Amino acid sequence: MTASDIKPAAKSSLRKLIASLGGYLVNDWQNECSLLAMNEIKVTVKCLNALLCQRLIVTPKYLEDLVSVCSKLNASTIPDPNKYIYC
């Protein structure tokens, strides 16, 4: 996963959230990235790469909710990433 146009303090929180799920946050776009986190859609190189690779672009809130659900013992469903996509 990577992030675009996220302030350093928020990026640090994002890194911790991803690590708690067993993933990692990279600084530059890689084809292996499964998600791009952005507060709002802006045309950036990372955003264009995510679109070209057909990866989800979600808000950081998606990861917060995902971690919350995964931390519950009886979690039956994960948050729908489509609810966190800008259209």
C-alpha atoms as a PDB file:
ATOM      1  CA  MET A   1       0.000   0.000   0.000  1.00  0.00           C
ATOM      2  CA  THR A   2       1.014   3.583  -0.516  1.00  0.00           C
ATOM      3  CA  ALA A   3      -0.399   6.991   0.302  1.00  0.00           C
ATOM      4  CA  SER A   4      -0.558  10.233  -1.614  1.00  0.00           C
ATOM      5  CA  ASP A   5      -0.995  13.776  -0.366  1.00  0.00           C
ATOM      6  CA  ILE A   6      -1.154  12.663   3.281  1.00  0.00           C
ATOM      7  CA  LYS A   7       0.565  14.763   5.959  1.00  0.00           C
ATOM      8  CA  PRO A   8       3.526  13.155   7.781  1.00  0.00           C
ATOM      9  CA  ALA A   9       1.688  12.732  11.120  1.00  0.00           C
ATOM     10  CA  ALA A  10      -1.263  11.041   9.410  1.00  0.00           C
ATOM     11  CA  LYS A  11       1.106   8.913   7.341  1.00  0.00           C
ATOM     12  CA  SER A  12       2.748   7.686  10.541  1.00  0.00           C
ATOM     13  CA  SER A  13      -0.659   6.600  11.866  1.00  0.00           C
ATOM     14  CA  LEU A  14      -1.405   4.937   8.544  1.00  0.00           C
ATOM     15  CA  ARG A  15       1.886   3.031   8.725  1.00  0.00           C
ATOM     16  CA  LYS A  16       0.933   1.695  12.175  1.00  0.00           C
ATOM     17  CA  LEU A  17      -2.531   0.658  10.995  1.00  0.00           C
ATOM     18  CA  ILE A  18      -1.096  -1.208   8.010  1.00  0.00           C
ATOM     19  CA  ALA A  19       1.548  -2.888  10.166  1.00  0.00           C
ATOM     20  CA  SER A  20      -1.146  -4.118  12.555  1.00  0.00           C
ATOM     21  CA  LEU A  21      -2.723  -5.902   9.573  1.00  0.00           C
ATOM     22  CA  GLY A  22       0.584  -7.450   8.548  1.00  0.00           C
ATOM     23  CA  GLY A  23       1.161  -5.096   5.630  1.00  0.00           C
ATOM     24  CA  TYR A  24       3.479  -2.229   4.976  1.00  0.00           C
ATOM     25  CA  LEU A  25       3.347   1.270   3.569  1.00  0.00           C
ATOM     26  CA  VAL A  26       5.764   2.124   0.785  1.00  0.00           C
ATOM     27  CA  ASN A  27       6.770   5.623  -0.240  1.00  0.00           C
ATOM     28  CA  ASP A  28       6.598   5.129  -3.996  1.00  0.00           C
ATOM     29  CA  TRP A  29       4.014   3.378  -6.147  1.00  0.00           C
ATOM     30  CA  GLN A  30       4.783  -0.268  -6.891  1.00  0.00           C
ATOM     31  CA  ASN A  31       2.718  -2.618  -9.013  1.00  0.00           C
ATOM     32  CA  GLU A  32       2.286  -4.799  -5.909  1.00  0.00           C
ATOM     33  CA  CYS A  33       0.392  -2.019  -4.106  1.00  0.00           C
ATOM     34  CA  SER A  34      -3.172  -3.088  -3.454  1.00  0.00           C
ATOM     35  CA  LEU A  35      -4.475   0.240  -2.142  1.00  0.00           C
ATOM     36  CA  LEU A  36      -3.797   3.933  -2.408  1.00  0.00           C
ATOM     37  CA  ALA A  37      -4.886   6.073   0.544  1.00  0.00           C
ATOM     38  CA  MET A  38      -5.791   9.701  -0.106  1.00  0.00           C
ATOM     39  CA  ASN A  39      -7.857  12.247   1.807  1.00  0.00           C
ATOM     40  CA  GLU A  40      -9.286  13.519  -1.447  1.00  0.00           C
ATOM     41  CA  ILE A  41      -8.727  12.685  -5.070  1.00  0.00           C
ATOM     42  CA  LYS A  42      -6.040  14.805  -6.664  1.00  0.00           C
ATOM     43  CA  VAL A  43      -4.161  14.094  -9.851  1.00  0.00           C
ATOM     44  CA  THR A  44      -0.822  12.732  -8.665  1.00  0.00           C
ATOM     45  CA  VAL A  45       1.542  10.184 -10.148  1.00  0.00           C
ATOM     46  CA  LYS A  46       0.441   7.664  -7.512  1.00  0.00           C
ATOM     47  CA  CYS A  47      -3.218   8.305  -8.260  1.00  0.00           C
ATOM     48  CA  LEU A  48      -2.688   7.825 -11.984  1.00  0.00           C
ATOM     49  CA  ASN A  49      -0.746   4.611 -11.340  1.00  0.00           C
ATOM     50  CA  ALA A  50      -3.512   3.288  -9.075  1.00  0.00           C
ATOM     51  CA  LEU A  51      -6.095   4.017 -11.737  1.00  0.00           C
ATOM     52  CA  LEU A  52      -4.002   2.402 -14.471  1.00  0.00           C
ATOM     53  CA  CYS A  53      -3.411  -0.694 -12.334  1.00  0.00           C
ATOM     54  CA  GLN A  54      -7.090  -0.771 -11.321  1.00  0.00           C
ATOM     55  CA  ARG A  55      -6.329  -0.533  -7.612  1.00  0.00           C
ATOM     56  CA  LEU A  56      -8.677   0.877  -5.016  1.00  0.00           C
ATOM     57  CA  ILE A  57      -8.247   4.465  -3.870  1.00  0.00           C
ATOM     58  CA  VAL A  58      -9.638   4.778  -0.361  1.00  0.00           C
ATOM     59  CA  THR A  59      -9.634   7.222   2.521  1.00  0.00           C
ATOM     60  CA  PRO A  60      -7.494   6.529   5.599  1.00  0.00           C
ATOM     61  CA  LYS A  61     -10.775   5.956   7.480  1.00  0.00           C
ATOM     62  CA  TYR A  62     -11.193   2.692   5.571  1.00  0.00           C
ATOM     63  CA  LEU A  63      -8.030   1.332   7.195  1.00  0.00           C
ATOM     64  CA  GLU A  64      -9.127   2.523  10.634  1.00  0.00           C
ATOM     65  CA  ASP A  65     -12.436   0.697  10.215  1.00  0.00           C
ATOM     66  CA  LEU A  66     -10.735  -2.385   8.807  1.00  0.00           C
ATOM     67  CA  VAL A  67      -8.388  -2.600  11.795  1.00  0.00           C
ATOM     68  CA  SER A  68     -11.332  -2.067  14.133  1.00  0.00           C
ATOM     69  CA  VAL A  69     -13.293  -4.921  12.578  1.00  0.00           C
ATOM     70  CA  CYS A  70     -10.286  -7.233  12.478  1.00  0.00           C
ATOM     71  CA  SER A  71      -9.566  -6.617  16.150  1.00  0.00           C
ATOM     72  CA  LYS A  72     -12.980  -7.945  17.169  1.00  0.00           C
ATOM     73  CA  LEU A  73     -13.076 -11.647  17.894  1.00  0.00           C
ATOM     74  CA  ASN A  74     -16.408 -12.230  16.165  1.00  0.00           C
ATOM     75  CA  ALA A  75     -15.732 -10.099  13.093  1.00  0.00           C
ATOM     76  CA  SER A  76     -17.747 -11.591  10.277  1.00  0.00           C
ATOM     77  CA  THR A  77     -17.367  -8.981   7.570  1.00  0.00           C
ATOM     78  CA  ILE A  78     -14.789  -6.436   6.630  1.00  0.00           C
ATOM     79  CA  PRO A  79     -15.754  -2.904   5.604  1.00  0.00           C
ATOM     80  CA  ASP A  80     -16.751  -2.512   1.980  1.00  0.00           C
ATOM     81  CA  PRO A  81     -13.933  -0.508   0.332  1.00  0.00           C
ATOM     82  CA  ASN A  82     -16.445   0.860  -2.183  1.00  0.00           C
ATOM     83  CA  LYS A  83     -17.899   3.018   0.586  1.00  0.00           C
ATOM     84  CA  TYR A  84     -14.549   4.776   0.927  1.00  0.00           C
ATOM     85  CA  ILE A  85     -13.900   5.519  -2.753  1.00  0.00           C
ATOM     86  CA  TYR A  86     -14.290   8.938  -4.265  1.00  0.00           C
ATOM     87  CA  CYS A  87     -16.471   8.935  -7.331  1.00  0.00           C
END
